[in-house]
N, C-alpha and C. Protein backbone atom coordinates (compact mmCIF):
# COMPACT_ATOMS: atom_id res chain seq x y z
N MET A 1 20.99 1.76 -20.59
CA MET A 1 19.82 1.85 -19.73
C MET A 1 20.26 2.06 -18.29
N ARG A 2 19.47 2.77 -17.58
CA ARG A 2 19.78 2.94 -16.16
C ARG A 2 18.65 2.37 -15.31
N ARG A 3 18.97 2.03 -14.09
CA ARG A 3 18.01 1.47 -13.16
C ARG A 3 17.40 2.61 -12.34
N LEU A 4 16.13 2.46 -11.99
CA LEU A 4 15.49 3.46 -11.13
C LEU A 4 16.14 3.45 -9.75
N THR A 5 16.24 4.60 -9.15
CA THR A 5 16.78 4.69 -7.79
C THR A 5 15.67 4.31 -6.80
N PRO A 6 16.04 3.97 -5.56
CA PRO A 6 15.00 3.67 -4.57
C PRO A 6 14.03 4.84 -4.37
N VAL A 7 14.53 6.08 -4.45
CA VAL A 7 13.64 7.25 -4.29
C VAL A 7 12.63 7.29 -5.43
N GLU A 8 13.07 7.02 -6.66
CA GLU A 8 12.16 7.03 -7.80
C GLU A 8 11.13 5.91 -7.68
N CYS A 9 11.57 4.75 -7.22
CA CYS A 9 10.63 3.64 -7.02
C CYS A 9 9.60 3.99 -5.95
N ALA A 10 10.04 4.62 -4.89
CA ALA A 10 9.11 5.03 -3.82
C ALA A 10 8.10 6.04 -4.34
N ARG A 11 8.55 6.99 -5.13
CA ARG A 11 7.65 8.00 -5.68
C ARG A 11 6.62 7.38 -6.61
N LEU A 12 7.01 6.38 -7.39
CA LEU A 12 6.06 5.71 -8.28
C LEU A 12 4.93 5.04 -7.50
N GLN A 13 5.24 4.61 -6.28
CA GLN A 13 4.24 3.96 -5.44
C GLN A 13 3.61 4.94 -4.44
N GLU A 14 3.92 6.21 -4.59
CA GLU A 14 3.40 7.29 -3.74
C GLU A 14 3.83 7.18 -2.29
N PHE A 15 5.02 6.65 -2.05
CA PHE A 15 5.61 6.67 -0.72
C PHE A 15 6.46 7.92 -0.60
N PRO A 16 6.69 8.41 0.62
CA PRO A 16 7.57 9.57 0.79
C PRO A 16 9.01 9.21 0.38
N ASP A 17 9.76 10.22 -0.02
CA ASP A 17 11.17 10.00 -0.34
C ASP A 17 11.88 9.39 0.87
N HIS A 18 12.75 8.47 0.61
CA HIS A 18 13.58 7.82 1.64
C HIS A 18 12.74 7.08 2.68
N HIS A 19 11.54 6.69 2.31
CA HIS A 19 10.65 5.96 3.24
C HIS A 19 11.25 4.62 3.63
N THR A 20 12.03 4.03 2.75
CA THR A 20 12.58 2.70 3.02
C THR A 20 13.99 2.73 3.58
N ARG A 21 14.51 3.91 3.87
CA ARG A 21 15.83 3.97 4.50
C ARG A 21 15.70 3.51 5.94
N ILE A 22 16.41 2.47 6.26
CA ILE A 22 16.35 1.91 7.61
C ILE A 22 17.76 1.66 8.11
N ALA A 23 17.89 1.56 9.41
CA ALA A 23 19.19 1.15 9.96
C ALA A 23 19.42 -0.28 9.52
N TRP A 24 20.56 -0.54 8.91
CA TRP A 24 20.81 -1.86 8.33
C TRP A 24 22.16 -2.37 8.77
N ARG A 25 22.15 -3.50 9.44
CA ARG A 25 23.39 -4.13 9.94
C ARG A 25 24.25 -3.17 10.74
N GLY A 26 23.60 -2.44 11.61
CA GLY A 26 24.30 -1.53 12.50
C GLY A 26 24.66 -0.19 11.90
N ALA A 27 24.41 -0.01 10.62
CA ALA A 27 24.72 1.28 9.98
C ALA A 27 23.54 2.22 10.15
N SER A 28 23.79 3.49 10.00
CA SER A 28 22.72 4.48 10.12
C SER A 28 21.80 4.40 8.90
N PRO A 29 20.58 4.90 9.00
CA PRO A 29 19.66 4.88 7.86
C PRO A 29 20.22 5.55 6.61
N GLU A 30 21.03 6.58 6.78
CA GLU A 30 21.61 7.27 5.62
C GLU A 30 22.57 6.37 4.85
N ASP A 31 23.12 5.36 5.53
CA ASP A 31 24.07 4.45 4.89
C ASP A 31 23.42 3.15 4.41
N CYS A 32 22.10 3.09 4.41
CA CYS A 32 21.39 1.89 3.97
C CYS A 32 21.63 1.68 2.48
N PRO A 33 22.12 0.49 2.09
CA PRO A 33 22.34 0.24 0.67
C PRO A 33 21.01 0.14 -0.09
N ASP A 34 21.09 0.20 -1.41
CA ASP A 34 19.89 0.18 -2.24
C ASP A 34 19.15 -1.15 -2.18
N GLY A 35 19.88 -2.26 -2.08
CA GLY A 35 19.26 -3.59 -2.12
C GLY A 35 18.12 -3.78 -1.15
N PRO A 36 18.31 -3.52 0.16
CA PRO A 36 17.20 -3.68 1.10
C PRO A 36 16.04 -2.72 0.82
N GLN A 37 16.35 -1.56 0.26
CA GLN A 37 15.28 -0.61 -0.07
C GLN A 37 14.44 -1.13 -1.24
N TYR A 38 15.10 -1.67 -2.26
CA TYR A 38 14.37 -2.27 -3.38
C TYR A 38 13.51 -3.43 -2.89
N LYS A 39 14.06 -4.23 -2.00
CA LYS A 39 13.32 -5.38 -1.46
C LYS A 39 12.08 -4.91 -0.71
N ALA A 40 12.24 -3.89 0.13
CA ALA A 40 11.10 -3.36 0.88
C ALA A 40 10.02 -2.81 -0.06
N LEU A 41 10.43 -2.11 -1.09
CA LEU A 41 9.47 -1.56 -2.05
C LEU A 41 8.82 -2.67 -2.87
N GLY A 42 9.58 -3.70 -3.19
CA GLY A 42 9.03 -4.82 -3.95
C GLY A 42 8.04 -5.64 -3.14
N ASN A 43 8.19 -5.66 -1.83
CA ASN A 43 7.28 -6.41 -0.97
C ASN A 43 6.10 -5.57 -0.50
N SER A 44 6.04 -4.33 -0.92
CA SER A 44 4.96 -3.44 -0.47
C SER A 44 3.82 -3.44 -1.48
N MET A 45 2.75 -2.80 -1.10
CA MET A 45 1.62 -2.62 -2.01
C MET A 45 1.55 -1.14 -2.37
N ALA A 46 1.42 -0.86 -3.63
CA ALA A 46 1.38 0.52 -4.09
C ALA A 46 0.14 1.22 -3.54
N VAL A 47 0.34 2.41 -3.02
CA VAL A 47 -0.74 3.18 -2.41
C VAL A 47 -1.90 3.39 -3.39
N PRO A 48 -1.67 3.76 -4.65
CA PRO A 48 -2.80 3.96 -5.57
C PRO A 48 -3.62 2.69 -5.78
N CYS A 49 -2.96 1.56 -5.82
CA CYS A 49 -3.69 0.29 -6.00
C CYS A 49 -4.56 -0.02 -4.79
N VAL A 50 -4.00 0.13 -3.61
CA VAL A 50 -4.77 -0.13 -2.39
C VAL A 50 -5.93 0.85 -2.28
N ARG A 51 -5.68 2.11 -2.61
CA ARG A 51 -6.74 3.12 -2.56
C ARG A 51 -7.88 2.74 -3.52
N TRP A 52 -7.54 2.31 -4.74
CA TRP A 52 -8.54 1.94 -5.74
C TRP A 52 -9.36 0.75 -5.25
N ILE A 53 -8.69 -0.27 -4.72
CA ILE A 53 -9.39 -1.45 -4.21
C ILE A 53 -10.33 -1.08 -3.07
N MET A 54 -9.83 -0.28 -2.12
CA MET A 54 -10.66 0.10 -0.96
C MET A 54 -11.83 0.97 -1.39
N ASP A 55 -11.64 1.84 -2.37
CA ASP A 55 -12.76 2.63 -2.88
C ASP A 55 -13.83 1.74 -3.48
N ARG A 56 -13.43 0.71 -4.23
CA ARG A 56 -14.41 -0.20 -4.84
C ARG A 56 -15.16 -0.99 -3.77
N ILE A 57 -14.45 -1.40 -2.72
CA ILE A 57 -15.11 -2.11 -1.62
C ILE A 57 -16.12 -1.19 -0.94
N ARG A 58 -15.73 0.06 -0.70
CA ARG A 58 -16.64 1.02 -0.06
C ARG A 58 -17.87 1.26 -0.92
N ILE A 59 -17.66 1.47 -2.22
CA ILE A 59 -18.79 1.71 -3.12
C ILE A 59 -19.73 0.52 -3.13
N SER A 60 -19.18 -0.67 -3.21
CA SER A 60 -20.01 -1.88 -3.21
C SER A 60 -20.77 -2.01 -1.90
N TYR A 61 -20.08 -1.73 -0.80
CA TYR A 61 -20.75 -1.81 0.51
C TYR A 61 -21.90 -0.82 0.59
N GLU A 62 -21.65 0.41 0.16
CA GLU A 62 -22.70 1.43 0.22
C GLU A 62 -23.89 1.06 -0.66
N GLN A 63 -23.63 0.45 -1.81
CA GLN A 63 -24.71 0.07 -2.70
C GLN A 63 -25.54 -1.08 -2.14
N HIS A 64 -24.91 -1.94 -1.37
CA HIS A 64 -25.60 -3.13 -0.89
C HIS A 64 -25.92 -3.10 0.61
N ALA A 65 -25.55 -2.06 1.32
CA ALA A 65 -25.74 -2.02 2.77
C ALA A 65 -27.21 -2.12 3.14
N ALA A 66 -28.07 -1.39 2.45
CA ALA A 66 -29.50 -1.45 2.76
C ALA A 66 -30.06 -2.83 2.46
N GLN A 67 -29.64 -3.40 1.37
CA GLN A 67 -30.10 -4.73 1.00
C GLN A 67 -29.67 -5.77 2.04
N TRP A 68 -28.42 -5.69 2.49
CA TRP A 68 -27.92 -6.64 3.48
C TRP A 68 -28.63 -6.47 4.82
N SER A 69 -28.88 -5.23 5.24
CA SER A 69 -29.53 -5.05 6.53
C SER A 69 -30.98 -5.53 6.46
N GLY A 70 -31.64 -5.37 5.33
CA GLY A 70 -33.00 -5.88 5.16
C GLY A 70 -33.04 -7.40 5.18
N THR A 71 -32.06 -8.03 4.60
CA THR A 71 -31.98 -9.50 4.57
C THR A 71 -31.75 -10.05 5.96
N GLU A 72 -30.93 -9.39 6.75
CA GLU A 72 -30.68 -9.84 8.11
C GLU A 72 -31.93 -9.74 8.96
N GLN A 73 -32.70 -8.69 8.79
CA GLN A 73 -33.94 -8.51 9.56
C GLN A 73 -34.95 -9.58 9.19
N GLU A 74 -35.06 -9.93 7.92
CA GLU A 74 -36.00 -10.95 7.47
C GLU A 74 -35.60 -12.31 8.03
N ALA A 75 -34.31 -12.60 8.09
CA ALA A 75 -33.85 -13.88 8.54
C ALA A 75 -34.10 -14.09 10.04
N THR A 76 -34.12 -13.00 10.82
CA THR A 76 -34.32 -13.13 12.26
C THR A 76 -35.79 -13.16 12.63
N GLN A 77 -36.67 -12.87 11.71
CA GLN A 77 -38.11 -12.85 12.04
C GLN A 77 -38.73 -14.20 11.90
């Protein structure tokens, strides 16, 4: 079995290639070892998941926006 490379992990989460390459311990970004890149990807949120959650929040808001604004007007009268 082989392990996924940081580039493959980034692509699975829809990040650009080499998005997690950073200057590490004084070395240039090109010399960044895989470990910190895996850590950065593991601590991130996958773009498709965040997009799905935000779409559901938007849909719910749009469905209930009129209801909420009507409730606020009734409460202030």
